PDB file of all heavy atoms in Angstrom:
ATOM      1  N   GLY A   1      42.597  86.976 140.430  1.00  0.00           N
ATOM      2  CA  GLY A   1      43.415  86.052 139.656  1.00  0.00           C
ATOM      3  C   GLY A   1      44.209  86.666 138.520  1.00  0.00           C
ATOM      4  O   GLY A   1      44.883  85.952 137.773  1.00  0.00           O
ATOM      5  N   ASP A   2      44.164  88.004 138.361  1.00  0.00           N
ATOM      6  CA  ASP A   2      44.955  88.653 137.315  1.00  0.00           C
ATOM      7  C   ASP A   2      46.408  88.799 137.763  1.00  0.00           C
ATOM      8  O   ASP A   2      46.696  88.900 138.965  1.00  0.00           O
ATOM      9  CB  ASP A   2      44.380  90.032 136.977  1.00  0.00           C
ATOM     10  CG  ASP A   2      43.048  89.943 136.249  1.00  0.00           C
ATOM     11  OD1 ASP A   2      42.901  89.012 135.437  1.00  0.00           O
ATOM     12  OD2 ASP A   2      42.158  90.782 136.510  1.00  0.00           O
ATOM     13  N   VAL A   3      47.324  88.835 136.791  1.00  0.00           N
ATOM     14  CA  VAL A   3      48.753  89.023 137.061  1.00  0.00           C
ATOM     15  C   VAL A   3      49.151  90.355 136.429  1.00  0.00           C
ATOM     16  O   VAL A   3      49.128  90.502 135.201  1.00  0.00           O
ATOM     17  CB  VAL A   3      49.595  87.865 136.477  1.00  0.00           C
ATOM     18  CG1 VAL A   3      51.070  88.075 136.796  1.00  0.00           C
ATOM     19  CG2 VAL A   3      49.114  86.526 137.033  1.00  0.00           C
ATOM     20  N   LEU A   4      49.507  91.335 137.275  1.00  0.00           N
ATOM     21  CA  LEU A   4      49.717  92.708 136.805  1.00  0.00           C
ATOM     22  C   LEU A   4      51.012  93.308 137.363  1.00  0.00           C
ATOM     23  O   LEU A   4      51.359  93.054 138.524  1.00  0.00           O
ATOM     24  CB  LEU A   4      48.560  93.608 137.252  1.00  0.00           C
ATOM     25  CG  LEU A   4      47.149  93.275 136.769  1.00  0.00           C
ATOM     26  CD1 LEU A   4      46.139  94.113 137.538  1.00  0.00           C
ATOM     27  CD2 LEU A   4      47.036  93.525 135.279  1.00  0.00           C
ATOM     28  N   PRO A   5      51.703  94.137 136.578  1.00  0.00           N
ATOM     29  CA  PRO A   5      52.831  94.903 137.123  1.00  0.00           C
ATOM     30  C   PRO A   5      52.322  96.119 137.888  1.00  0.00           C
ATOM     31  O   PRO A   5      51.723  97.017 137.298  1.00  0.00           O
ATOM     32  CB  PRO A   5      53.617  95.316 135.870  1.00  0.00           C
ATOM     33  CG  PRO A   5      52.633  95.271 134.758  1.00  0.00           C
ATOM     34  CD  PRO A   5      51.549  94.312 135.137  1.00  0.00           C
ATOM     35  N   LEU A   6      52.523  96.134 139.197  1.00  0.00           N
ATOM     36  CA  LEU A   6      52.062  97.263 140.008  1.00  0.00           C
ATOM     37  C   LEU A   6      53.050  98.430 139.939  1.00  0.00           C
ATOM     38  O   LEU A   6      52.692  99.580 140.116  1.00  0.00           O
ATOM     39  CB  LEU A   6      51.870  96.825 141.464  1.00  0.00           C
ATOM     40  CG  LEU A   6      50.929  97.685 142.305  1.00  0.00           C
ATOM     41  CD1 LEU A   6      49.529  97.681 141.736  1.00  0.00           C
ATOM     42  CD2 LEU A   6      50.909  97.202 143.750  1.00  0.00           C
ATOM     43  N   ASP A   7      54.306  98.110 139.690  1.00  0.00           N
ATOM     44  CA  ASP A   7      55.336  99.126 139.499  1.00  0.00           C
ATOM     45  C   ASP A   7      56.166  98.691 138.301  1.00  0.00           C
ATOM     46  O   ASP A   7      56.196  97.501 137.957  1.00  0.00           O
ATOM     47  CB  ASP A   7      56.209  99.265 140.749  1.00  0.00           C
ATOM     48  CG  ASP A   7      57.055 100.532 140.747  1.00  0.00           C
ATOM     49  OD1 ASP A   7      56.940 101.322 139.779  1.00  0.00           O
ATOM     50  OD2 ASP A   7      57.837 100.734 141.693  1.00  0.00           O
ATOM     51  N   ALA A   8      56.854  99.612 137.662  1.00  0.00           N
ATOM     52  CA  ALA A   8      57.678  99.260 136.505  1.00  0.00           C
ATOM     53  C   ALA A   8      58.874 100.199 136.418  1.00  0.00           C
ATOM     54  O   ALA A   8      58.707 101.422 136.435  1.00  0.00           O
ATOM     55  CB  ALA A   8      56.857  99.334 135.220  1.00  0.00           C
ATOM     56  N   LYS A   9      60.035  99.594 136.342  1.00  0.00           N
ATOM     57  CA  LYS A   9      61.271 100.357 136.159  1.00  0.00           C
ATOM     58  C   LYS A   9      61.948  99.869 134.887  1.00  0.00           C
ATOM     59  O   LYS A   9      62.076  98.662 134.677  1.00  0.00           O
ATOM     60  CB  LYS A   9      62.208 100.147 137.356  1.00  0.00           C
ATOM     61  CG  LYS A   9      63.603 100.730 137.174  1.00  0.00           C
ATOM     62  CD  LYS A   9      64.510 100.353 138.326  1.00  0.00           C
ATOM     63  CE  LYS A   9      65.933 100.861 138.095  1.00  0.00           C
ATOM     64  NZ  LYS A   9      66.835 100.488 139.203  1.00  0.00           N
ATOM     65  N   MET A  10      62.367 100.819 134.032  1.00  0.00           N
ATOM     66  CA  MET A  10      63.069 100.448 132.803  1.00  0.00           C
ATOM     67  C   MET A  10      64.290 101.321 132.612  1.00  0.00           C
ATOM     68  O   MET A  10      64.225 102.542 132.750  1.00  0.00           O
ATOM     69  CB  MET A  10      62.147 100.582 131.583  1.00  0.00           C
ATOM     70  CG  MET A  10      60.967  99.622 131.580  1.00  0.00           C
ATOM     71  SD  MET A  10      59.953  99.733 130.078  1.00  0.00           S
ATOM     72  CE  MET A  10      61.001  98.860 128.904  1.00  0.00           C
ATOM     73  N   ASN A  11      65.413 100.680 132.321  1.00  0.00           N
ATOM     74  CA  ASN A  11      66.636 101.368 131.930  1.00  0.00           C
ATOM     75  C   ASN A  11      66.991 100.937 130.512  1.00  0.00           C
ATOM     76  O   ASN A  11      66.701  99.803 130.114  1.00  0.00           O
ATOM     77  CB  ASN A  11      67.802 101.009 132.857  1.00  0.00           C
ATOM     78  CG  ASN A  11      67.631 101.576 134.244  1.00  0.00           C
ATOM     79  OD1 ASN A  11      66.631 102.195 134.546  1.00  0.00           O
ATOM     80  ND2 ASN A  11      68.612 101.346 135.096  1.00  0.00           N
ATOM     81  N   PHE A  12      67.660 101.825 129.774  1.00  0.00           N
ATOM     82  CA  PHE A  12      67.968 101.554 128.378  1.00  0.00           C
ATOM     83  C   PHE A  12      69.449 101.776 128.088  1.00  0.00           C
ATOM     84  O   PHE A  12      70.128 102.556 128.763  1.00  0.00           O
ATOM     85  CB  PHE A  12      67.127 102.453 127.460  1.00  0.00           C
ATOM     86  CG  PHE A  12      65.649 102.283 127.665  1.00  0.00           C
ATOM     87  CD1 PHE A  12      64.971 103.056 128.603  1.00  0.00           C
ATOM     88  CD2 PHE A  12      64.940 101.340 126.954  1.00  0.00           C
ATOM     89  CE1 PHE A  12      63.612 102.894 128.812  1.00  0.00           C
ATOM     90  CE2 PHE A  12      63.577 101.166 127.160  1.00  0.00           C
ATOM     91  CZ  PHE A  12      62.914 101.945 128.093  1.00  0.00           C
ATOM     92  N   ASP A  13      69.917 101.101 127.056  1.00  0.00           N
ATOM     93  CA  ASP A  13      71.305 101.218 126.619  1.00  0.00           C
ATOM     94  C   ASP A  13      71.500 102.580 125.959  1.00  0.00           C
ATOM     95  O   ASP A  13      70.908 102.867 124.913  1.00  0.00           O
ATOM     96  CB  ASP A  13      71.608 100.085 125.632  1.00  0.00           C
ATOM     97  CG  ASP A  13      73.059 100.077 125.170  1.00  0.00           C
ATOM     98  OD1 ASP A  13      73.802 101.029 125.499  1.00  0.00           O
ATOM     99  OD2 ASP A  13      73.448  99.115 124.489  1.00  0.00           O
ATOM    100  N   ASP A  14      72.322 103.425 126.553  1.00  0.00           N
ATOM    101  CA  ASP A  14      72.575 104.757 125.991  1.00  0.00           C
ATOM    102  C   ASP A  14      73.112 104.682 124.573  1.00  0.00           C
ATOM    103  O   ASP A  14      72.839 105.560 123.746  1.00  0.00           O
ATOM    104  CB  ASP A  14      73.569 105.525 126.874  1.00  0.00           C
ATOM    105  CG  ASP A  14      72.933 106.034 128.155  1.00  0.00           C
ATOM    106  OD1 ASP A  14      71.755 106.411 128.107  1.00  0.00           O
ATOM    107  OD2 ASP A  14      73.611 106.041 129.199  1.00  0.00           O
ATOM    108  N   ASN A  15      73.888 103.642 124.283  1.00  0.00           N
ATOM    109  CA  ASN A  15      74.502 103.522 122.959  1.00  0.00           C
ATOM    110  C   ASN A  15      73.484 103.208 121.862  1.00  0.00           C
ATOM    111  O   ASN A  15      73.810 103.292 120.679  1.00  0.00           O
ATOM    112  CB  ASN A  15      75.570 102.420 122.972  1.00  0.00           C
ATOM    113  CG  ASN A  15      76.712 102.757 123.902  1.00  0.00           C
ATOM    114  OD1 ASN A  15      77.234 103.868 123.874  1.00  0.00           O
ATOM    115  ND2 ASN A  15      77.088 101.828 124.757  1.00  0.00           N
ATOM    116  N   ALA A  16      72.267 102.828 122.259  1.00  0.00           N
ATOM    117  CA  ALA A  16      71.238 102.480 121.272  1.00  0.00           C
ATOM    118  C   ALA A  16      70.242 103.606 121.040  1.00  0.00           C
ATOM    119  O   ALA A  16      69.316 103.459 120.237  1.00  0.00           O
ATOM    120  CB  ALA A  16      70.492 101.225 121.721  1.00  0.00           C
ATOM    121  N   MET A  17      70.425 104.747 121.706  1.00  0.00           N
ATOM    122  CA  MET A  17      69.427 105.806 121.621  1.00  0.00           C
ATOM    123  C   MET A  17      69.316 106.401 120.215  1.00  0.00           C
ATOM    124  O   MET A  17      68.290 106.975 119.864  1.00  0.00           O
ATOM    125  CB  MET A  17      69.721 106.908 122.637  1.00  0.00           C
ATOM    126  CG  MET A  17      69.411 106.508 124.085  1.00  0.00           C
ATOM    127  SD  MET A  17      67.695 106.002 124.362  1.00  0.00           S
ATOM    128  CE  MET A  17      67.845 104.211 124.346  1.00  0.00           C
ATOM    129  N   PHE A  18      70.351 106.243 119.400  1.00  0.00           N
ATOM    130  CA  PHE A  18      70.289 106.766 118.036  1.00  0.00           C
ATOM    131  C   PHE A  18      69.181 106.091 117.228  1.00  0.00           C
ATOM    132  O   PHE A  18      68.666 106.670 116.266  1.00  0.00           O
ATOM    133  CB  PHE A  18      71.644 106.586 117.330  1.00  0.00           C
ATOM    134  CG  PHE A  18      71.949 105.160 116.937  1.00  0.00           C
ATOM    135  CD1 PHE A  18      71.640 104.700 115.662  1.00  0.00           C
ATOM    136  CD2 PHE A  18      72.535 104.285 117.840  1.00  0.00           C
ATOM    137  CE1 PHE A  18      71.915 103.388 115.298  1.00  0.00           C
ATOM    138  CE2 PHE A  18      72.807 102.975 117.483  1.00  0.00           C
ATOM    139  CZ  PHE A  18      72.495 102.523 116.205  1.00  0.00           C
ATOM    140  N   ARG A  19      68.787 104.885 117.610  1.00  0.00           N
ATOM    141  CA  ARG A  19      67.725 104.179 116.887  1.00  0.00           C
ATOM    142  C   ARG A  19      66.463 103.998 117.738  1.00  0.00           C
ATOM    143  O   ARG A  19      65.550 103.277 117.344  1.00  0.00           O
ATOM    144  CB  ARG A  19      68.222 102.814 116.408  1.00  0.00           C
ATOM    145  CG  ARG A  19      68.549 101.815 117.518  1.00  0.00           C
ATOM    146  CD  ARG A  19      69.120 100.542 116.930  1.00  0.00           C
ATOM    147  NE  ARG A  19      69.345  99.523 117.956  1.00  0.00           N
ATOM    148  CZ  ARG A  19      70.023  98.397 117.748  1.00  0.00           C
ATOM    149  NH1 ARG A  19      70.535  98.162 116.550  1.00  0.00           N
ATOM    150  NH2 ARG A  19      70.186  97.518 118.720  1.00  0.00           N
ATOM    151  N   GLN A  20      66.433 104.641 118.898  1.00  0.00           N
ATOM    152  CA  GLN A  20      65.281 104.534 119.792  1.00  0.00           C
ATOM    153  C   GLN A  20      64.719 105.928 120.082  1.00  0.00           C
ATOM    154  O   GLN A  20      64.736 106.415 121.205  1.00  0.00           O
ATOM    155  CB  GLN A  20      65.680 103.828 121.092  1.00  0.00           C
ATOM    156  CG  GLN A  20      66.123 102.393 120.936  1.00  0.00           C
ATOM    157  CD  GLN A  20      64.998 101.472 120.475  1.00  0.00           C
ATOM    158  OE1 GLN A  20      63.838 101.858 120.464  1.00  0.00           O
ATOM    159  NE2 GLN A  20      65.346 100.250 120.110  1.00  0.00           N
ATOM    160  N   LYS A  21      64.217 106.575 119.036  1.00  0.00           N
ATOM    161  CA  LYS A  21      63.715 107.947 119.177  1.00  0.00           C
ATOM    162  C   LYS A  21      62.544 108.025 120.145  1.00  0.00           C
ATOM    163  O   LYS A  21      62.402 108.994 120.896  1.00  0.00           O
ATOM    164  CB  LYS A  21      63.315 108.508 117.806  1.00  0.00           C
ATOM    165  CG  LYS A  21      64.451 108.535 116.778  1.00  0.00           C
ATOM    166  CD  LYS A  21      65.657 109.300 117.291  1.00  0.00           C
ATOM    167  CE  LYS A  21      66.793 109.296 116.277  1.00  0.00           C
ATOM    168  NZ  LYS A  21      68.040 109.892 116.815  1.00  0.00           N
ATOM    169  N   GLU A  22      61.697 106.992 120.147  1.00  0.00           N
ATOM    170  CA  GLU A  22      60.550 106.970 121.052  1.00  0.00           C
ATOM    171  C   GLU A  22      61.002 107.011 122.506  1.00  0.00           C
ATOM    172  O   GLU A  22      60.416 107.715 123.336  1.00  0.00           O
ATOM    173  CB  GLU A  22      59.715 105.702 120.801  1.00  0.00           C
ATOM    174  CG  GLU A  22      58.516 105.562 121.721  1.00  0.00           C
ATOM    175  CD  GLU A  22      57.804 104.228 121.582  1.00  0.00           C
ATOM    176  OE1 GLU A  22      58.341 103.315 120.903  1.00  0.00           O
ATOM    177  OE2 GLU A  22      56.709 104.079 122.160  1.00  0.00           O
ATOM    178  N   VAL A  23      62.063 106.284 122.804  1.00  0.00           N
ATOM    179  CA  VAL A  23      62.590 106.252 124.170  1.00  0.00           C
ATOM    180  C   VAL A  23      63.343 107.540 124.480  1.00  0.00           C
ATOM    181  O   VAL A  23      63.179 108.124 125.562  1.00  0.00           O
ATOM    182  CB  VAL A  23      63.515 105.029 124.362  1.00  0.00           C
ATOM    183  CG1 VAL A  23      64.166 105.065 125.742  1.00  0.00           C
ATOM    184  CG2 VAL A  23      62.742 103.729 124.168  1.00  0.00           C
ATOM    185  N   GLU A  24      64.151 108.006 123.538  1.00  0.00           N
ATOM    186  CA  GLU A  24      64.955 109.213 123.741  1.00  0.00           C
ATOM    187  C   GLU A  24      64.074 110.410 124.097  1.00  0.00           C
ATOM    188  O   GLU A  24      64.450 111.253 124.920  1.00  0.00           O
ATOM    189  CB  GLU A  24      65.763 109.513 122.472  1.00  0.00           C
ATOM    190  CG  GLU A  24      66.592 110.785 122.520  1.00  0.00           C
ATOM    191  CD  GLU A  24      67.738 110.736 123.509  1.00  0.00           C
ATOM    192  OE1 GLU A  24      68.221 109.631 123.817  1.00  0.00           O
ATOM    193  OE2 GLU A  24      68.147 111.819 123.985  1.00  0.00           O
ATOM    194  N   GLU A  25      62.882 110.477 123.509  1.00  0.00           N
ATOM    195  CA  GLU A  25      61.969 111.591 123.780  1.00  0.00           C
ATOM    196  C   GLU A  25      61.433 111.576 125.208  1.00  0.00           C
ATOM    197  O   GLU A  25      60.881 112.572 125.681  1.00  0.00           O
ATOM    198  CB  GLU A  25      60.803 111.549 122.785  1.00  0.00           C
ATOM    199  CG  GLU A  25      61.203 111.940 121.368  1.00  0.00           C
ATOM    200  CD  GLU A  25      60.093 111.710 120.357  1.00  0.00           C
ATOM    201  OE1 GLU A  25      59.006 111.233 120.774  1.00  0.00           O
ATOM    202  OE2 GLU A  25      60.301 112.007 119.170  1.00  0.00           O
ATOM    203  N   LEU A  26      61.594 110.451 125.909  1.00  0.00           N
ATOM    204  CA  LEU A  26      61.109 110.339 127.286  1.00  0.00           C
ATOM    205  C   LEU A  26      62.140 110.808 128.316  1.00  0.00           C
ATOM    206  O   LEU A  26      61.858 110.819 129.516  1.00  0.00           O
ATOM    207  CB  LEU A  26      60.729 108.877 127.588  1.00  0.00           C
ATOM    208  CG  LEU A  26      59.636 108.261 126.699  1.00  0.00           C
ATOM    209  CD1 LEU A  26      59.419 106.801 127.078  1.00  0.00           C
ATOM    210  CD2 LEU A  26      58.333 109.044 126.798  1.00  0.00           C
ATOM    211  N   ARG A  27      63.323 111.196 127.864  1.00  0.00           N
ATOM    212  CA  ARG A  27      64.377 111.629 128.790  1.00  0.00           C
ATOM    213  C   ARG A  27      63.922 112.830 129.610  1.00  0.00           C
ATOM    214  O   ARG A  27      63.375 113.801 129.069  1.00  0.00           O
ATOM    215  CB  ARG A  27      65.642 112.000 128.013  1.00  0.00           C
ATOM    216  CG  ARG A  27      66.830 112.364 128.921  1.00  0.00           C
ATOM    217  CD  ARG A  27      68.035 112.824 128.101  1.00  0.00           C
ATOM    218  NE  ARG A  27      68.565 111.761 127.281  1.00  0.00           N
ATOM    219  CZ  ARG A  27      69.429 110.836 127.696  1.00  0.00           C
ATOM    220  NH1 ARG A  27      69.834 110.838 128.941  1.00  0.00           N
ATOM    221  NH2 ARG A  27      69.866 109.920 126.863  1.00  0.00           N
ATOM    222  N   ASP A  28      64.115 112.761 130.911  1.00  0.00           N
ATOM    223  CA  ASP A  28      63.771 113.864 131.813  1.00  0.00           C
ATOM    224  C   ASP A  28      65.080 114.426 132.373  1.00  0.00           C
ATOM    225  O   ASP A  28      65.652 113.884 133.322  1.00  0.00           O
ATOM    226  CB  ASP A  28      62.867 113.369 132.944  1.00  0.00           C
ATOM    227  CG  ASP A  28      62.464 114.480 133.901  1.00  0.00           C
ATOM    228  OD1 ASP A  28      62.851 115.644 133.666  1.00  0.00           O
ATOM    229  OD2 ASP A  28      61.758 114.187 134.890  1.00  0.00           O
ATOM    230  N   VAL A  29      65.537 115.527 131.777  1.00  0.00           N
ATOM    231  CA  VAL A  29      66.841 116.073 132.161  1.00  0.00           C
ATOM    232  C   VAL A  29      66.821 116.659 133.566  1.00  0.00           C
ATOM    233  O   VAL A  29      67.872 116.813 134.191  1.00  0.00           O
ATOM    234  CB  VAL A  29      67.317 117.146 131.146  1.00  0.00           C
ATOM    235  CG1 VAL A  29      67.563 116.518 129.793  1.00  0.00           C
ATOM    236  CG2 VAL A  29      66.313 118.293 131.032  1.00  0.00           C
ATOM    237  N   THR A  30      65.626 116.977 134.092  1.00  0.00           N
ATOM    238  CA  THR A  30      65.557 117.525 135.446  1.00  0.00           C
ATOM    239  C   THR A  30      65.922 116.475 136.493  1.00  0.00           C
ATOM    240  O   THR A  30      66.230 116.804 137.631  1.00  0.00           O
ATOM    241  CB  THR A  30      64.152 118.071 135.767  1.00  0.00           C
ATOM    242  OG1 THR A  30      63.199 117.000 135.742  1.00  0.00           O
ATOM    243  CG2 THR A  30      63.740 119.132 134.757  1.00  0.00           C
ATOM    244  N   GLU A  31      65.877 115.195 136.108  1.00  0.00           N
ATOM    245  CA  GLU A  31      66.226 114.118 137.023  1.00  0.00           C
ATOM    246  C   GLU A  31      67.710 113.766 136.959  1.00  0.00           C
ATOM    247  O   GLU A  31      68.184 112.945 137.730  1.00  0.00           O
ATOM    248  CB  GLU A  31      65.401 112.862 136.697  1.00  0.00           C
ATOM    249  CG  GLU A  31      63.924 112.991 136.999  1.00  0.00           C
ATOM    250  CD  GLU A  31      63.625 113.001 138.488  1.00  0.00           C
ATOM    251  OE1 GLU A  31      64.217 112.199 139.223  1.00  0.00           O
ATOM    252  OE2 GLU A  31      62.795 113.823 138.923  1.00  0.00           O
ATOM    253  N   GLU A  32      68.425 114.356 136.027  1.00  0.00           N
ATOM    254  CA  GLU A  32      69.833 114.036 135.847  1.00  0.00           C
ATOM    255  C   GLU A  32      70.709 115.049 136.573  1.00  0.00           C
ATOM    256  O   GLU A  32      70.365 116.234 136.665  1.00  0.00           O
ATOM    257  CB  GLU A  32      70.190 114.020 134.355  1.00  0.00           C
ATOM    258  CG  GLU A  32      69.429 112.963 133.562  1.00  0.00           C
ATOM    259  CD  GLU A  32      69.748 112.999 132.073  1.00  0.00           C
ATOM    260  OE1 GLU A  32      70.693 113.723 131.690  1.00  0.00           O
ATOM    261  OE2 GLU A  32      69.065 112.310 131.299  1.00  0.00           O
ATOM    262  N   ASP A  33      71.836 114.581 137.081  1.00  0.00           N
ATOM    263  CA  ASP A  33      72.800 115.477 137.699  1.00  0.00           C
ATOM    264  C   ASP A  33      73.317 116.445 136.622  1.00  0.00           C
ATOM    265  O   ASP A  33      73.731 116.007 135.548  1.00  0.00           O
ATOM    266  CB  ASP A  33      73.965 114.651 138.269  1.00  0.00           C
ATOM    267  CG  ASP A  33      74.985 115.518 138.981  1.00  0.00           C
ATOM    268  OD1 ASP A  33      75.823 116.130 138.279  1.00  0.00           O
ATOM    269  OD2 ASP A  33      74.973 115.576 140.214  1.00  0.00           O
ATOM    270  N   PRO A  34      73.300 117.775 136.886  1.00  0.00           N
ATOM    271  CA  PRO A  34      73.716 118.738 135.860  1.00  0.00           C
ATOM    272  C   PRO A  34      75.118 118.475 135.322  1.00  0.00           C
ATOM    273  O   PRO A  34      75.371 118.612 134.115  1.00  0.00           O
ATOM    274  CB  PRO A  34      73.654 120.087 136.593  1.00  0.00           C
ATOM    275  CG  PRO A  34      72.666 119.873 137.697  1.00  0.00           C
ATOM    276  CD  PRO A  34      72.826 118.447 138.110  1.00  0.00           C
ATOM    277  N   ALA A  35      76.034 118.079 136.213  1.00  0.00           N
ATOM    278  CA  ALA A  35      77.404 117.800 135.772  1.00  0.00           C
ATOM    279  C   ALA A  35      77.450 116.558 134.888  1.00  0.00           C
ATOM    280  O   ALA A  35      78.191 116.516 133.900  1.00  0.00           O
ATOM    281  CB  ALA A  35      78.321 117.629 136.979  1.00  0.00           C
ATOM    282  N   GLU A  36      76.659 115.545 135.234  1.00  0.00           N
ATOM    283  CA  GLU A  36      76.624 114.327 134.429  1.00  0.00           C
ATOM    284  C   GLU A  36      76.011 114.596 133.058  1.00  0.00           C
ATOM    285  O   GLU A  36      76.450 114.045 132.048  1.00  0.00           O
ATOM    286  CB  GLU A  36      75.866 113.226 135.167  1.00  0.00           C
ATOM    287  CG  GLU A  36      76.608 112.727 136.410  1.00  0.00           C
ATOM    288  CD  GLU A  36      75.884 111.612 137.137  1.00  0.00           C
ATOM    289  OE1 GLU A  36      74.975 110.993 136.542  1.00  0.00           O
ATOM    290  OE2 GLU A  36      76.221 111.351 138.306  1.00  0.00           O
ATOM    291  N   LYS A  37      74.982 115.453 133.013  1.00  0.00           N
ATOM    292  CA  LYS A  37      74.379 115.819 131.729  1.00  0.00           C
ATOM    293  C   LYS A  37      75.382 116.596 130.880  1.00  0.00           C
ATOM    294  O   LYS A  37      75.513 116.373 129.670  1.00  0.00           O
ATOM    295  CB  LYS A  37      73.131 116.661 131.961  1.00  0.00           C
ATOM    296  CG  LYS A  37      72.435 117.054 130.658  1.00  0.00           C
ATOM    297  CD  LYS A  37      71.228 117.925 130.903  1.00  0.00           C
ATOM    298  CE  LYS A  37      70.561 118.301 129.587  1.00  0.00           C
ATOM    299  NZ  LYS A  37      71.452 119.056 128.684  1.00  0.00           N
ATOM    300  N   ARG A  38      76.090 117.513 131.517  1.00  0.00           N
ATOM    301  CA  ARG A  38      77.101 118.309 130.816  1.00  0.00           C
ATOM    302  C   ARG A  38      78.193 117.404 130.252  1.00  0.00           C
ATOM    303  O   ARG A  38      78.644 117.588 129.116  1.00  0.00           O
ATOM    304  CB  ARG A  38      77.685 119.317 131.810  1.00  0.00           C
ATOM    305  CG  ARG A  38      78.693 120.287 131.251  1.00  0.00           C
ATOM    306  CD  ARG A  38      79.047 121.272 132.353  1.00  0.00           C
ATOM    307  NE  ARG A  38      80.268 121.995 132.090  1.00  0.00           N
ATOM    308  CZ  ARG A  38      80.898 122.756 132.983  1.00  0.00           C
ATOM    309  NH1 ARG A  38      80.374 122.874 134.206  1.00  0.00           N
ATOM    310  NH2 ARG A  38      82.002 123.394 132.670  1.00  0.00           N
ATOM    311  N   ALA A  39      78.593 116.419 131.036  1.00  0.00           N
ATOM    312  CA  ALA A  39      79.612 115.469 130.576  1.00  0.00           C
ATOM    313  C   ALA A  39      79.111 114.673 129.376  1.00  0.00           C
ATOM    314  O   ALA A  39      79.842 114.470 128.397  1.00  0.00           O
ATOM    315  CB  ALA A  39      79.995 114.526 131.716  1.00  0.00           C
ATOM    316  N   LYS A  40      77.867 114.232 129.447  1.00  0.00           N
ATOM    317  CA  LYS A  40      77.284 113.450 128.354  1.00  0.00           C
ATOM    318  C   LYS A  40      77.252 114.273 127.064  1.00  0.00           C
ATOM    319  O   LYS A  40      77.511 113.759 125.979  1.00  0.00           O
ATOM    320  CB  LYS A  40      75.881 113.003 128.746  1.00  0.00           C
ATOM    321  CG  LYS A  40      75.260 111.959 127.822  1.00  0.00           C
ATOM    322  CD  LYS A  40      73.907 111.500 128.348  1.00  0.00           C
ATOM    323  CE  LYS A  40      74.034 110.763 129.654  1.00  0.00           C
ATOM    324  NZ  LYS A  40      72.723 110.278 130.163  1.00  0.00           N
ATOM    325  N   ASP A  41      76.939 115.569 127.198  1.00  0.00           N
ATOM    326  CA  ASP A  41      76.894 116.450 126.027  1.00  0.00           C
ATOM    327  C   ASP A  41      78.258 116.581 125.363  1.00  0.00           C
ATOM    328  O   ASP A  41      78.346 116.892 124.169  1.00  0.00           O
ATOM    329  CB  ASP A  41      76.385 117.838 126.425  1.00  0.00           C
ATOM    330  CG  ASP A  41      74.913 117.823 126.832  1.00  0.00           C
ATOM    331  OD1 ASP A  41      74.213 116.858 126.464  1.00  0.00           O
ATOM    332  OD2 ASP A  41      74.478 118.764 127.523  1.00  0.00           O
ATOM    333  N   HIS A  42      79.322 116.363 126.127  1.00  0.00           N
ATOM    334  CA  HIS A  42      80.689 116.459 125.593  1.00  0.00           C
ATOM    335  C   HIS A  42      81.329 115.085 125.403  1.00  0.00           C
ATOM    336  O   HIS A  42      82.557 114.972 125.299  1.00  0.00           O
ATOM    337  CB  HIS A  42      81.562 117.318 126.525  1.00  0.00           C
ATOM    338  CG  HIS A  42      81.217 118.780 126.503  1.00  0.00           C
ATOM    339  ND1 HIS A  42      80.204 119.317 127.279  1.00  0.00           N
ATOM    340  CD2 HIS A  42      81.725 119.804 125.777  1.00  0.00           C
ATOM    341  CE1 HIS A  42      80.123 120.611 127.047  1.00  0.00           C
ATOM    342  NE2 HIS A  42      81.025 120.937 126.147  1.00  0.00           N
ATOM    343  N   GLU A  43      80.491 114.047 125.410  1.00  0.00           N
ATOM    344  CA  GLU A  43      80.936 112.664 125.173  1.00  0.00           C
ATOM    345  C   GLU A  43      81.964 112.205 126.208  1.00  0.00           C
ATOM    346  O   GLU A  43      82.927 111.508 125.894  1.00  0.00           O
ATOM    347  CB  GLU A  43      81.495 112.519 123.752  1.00  0.00           C
ATOM    348  CG  GLU A  43      80.456 112.812 122.681  1.00  0.00           C
ATOM    349  CD  GLU A  43      81.010 112.668 121.272  1.00  0.00           C
ATOM    350  OE1 GLU A  43      82.070 112.039 121.110  1.00  0.00           O
ATOM    351  OE2 GLU A  43      80.394 113.198 120.341  1.00  0.00           O
TER     352      GLU A  43
END
């Protein structure tokens, strides 16, 4: 009779990462496309 999340997916607003340090620290750059990461670094 318990109600539980068996899986969980979360996406976050990139524009809010300046105030979400806890979330920003969870970024896994190995999962990101290298070109997309490079683009993000150059805004």
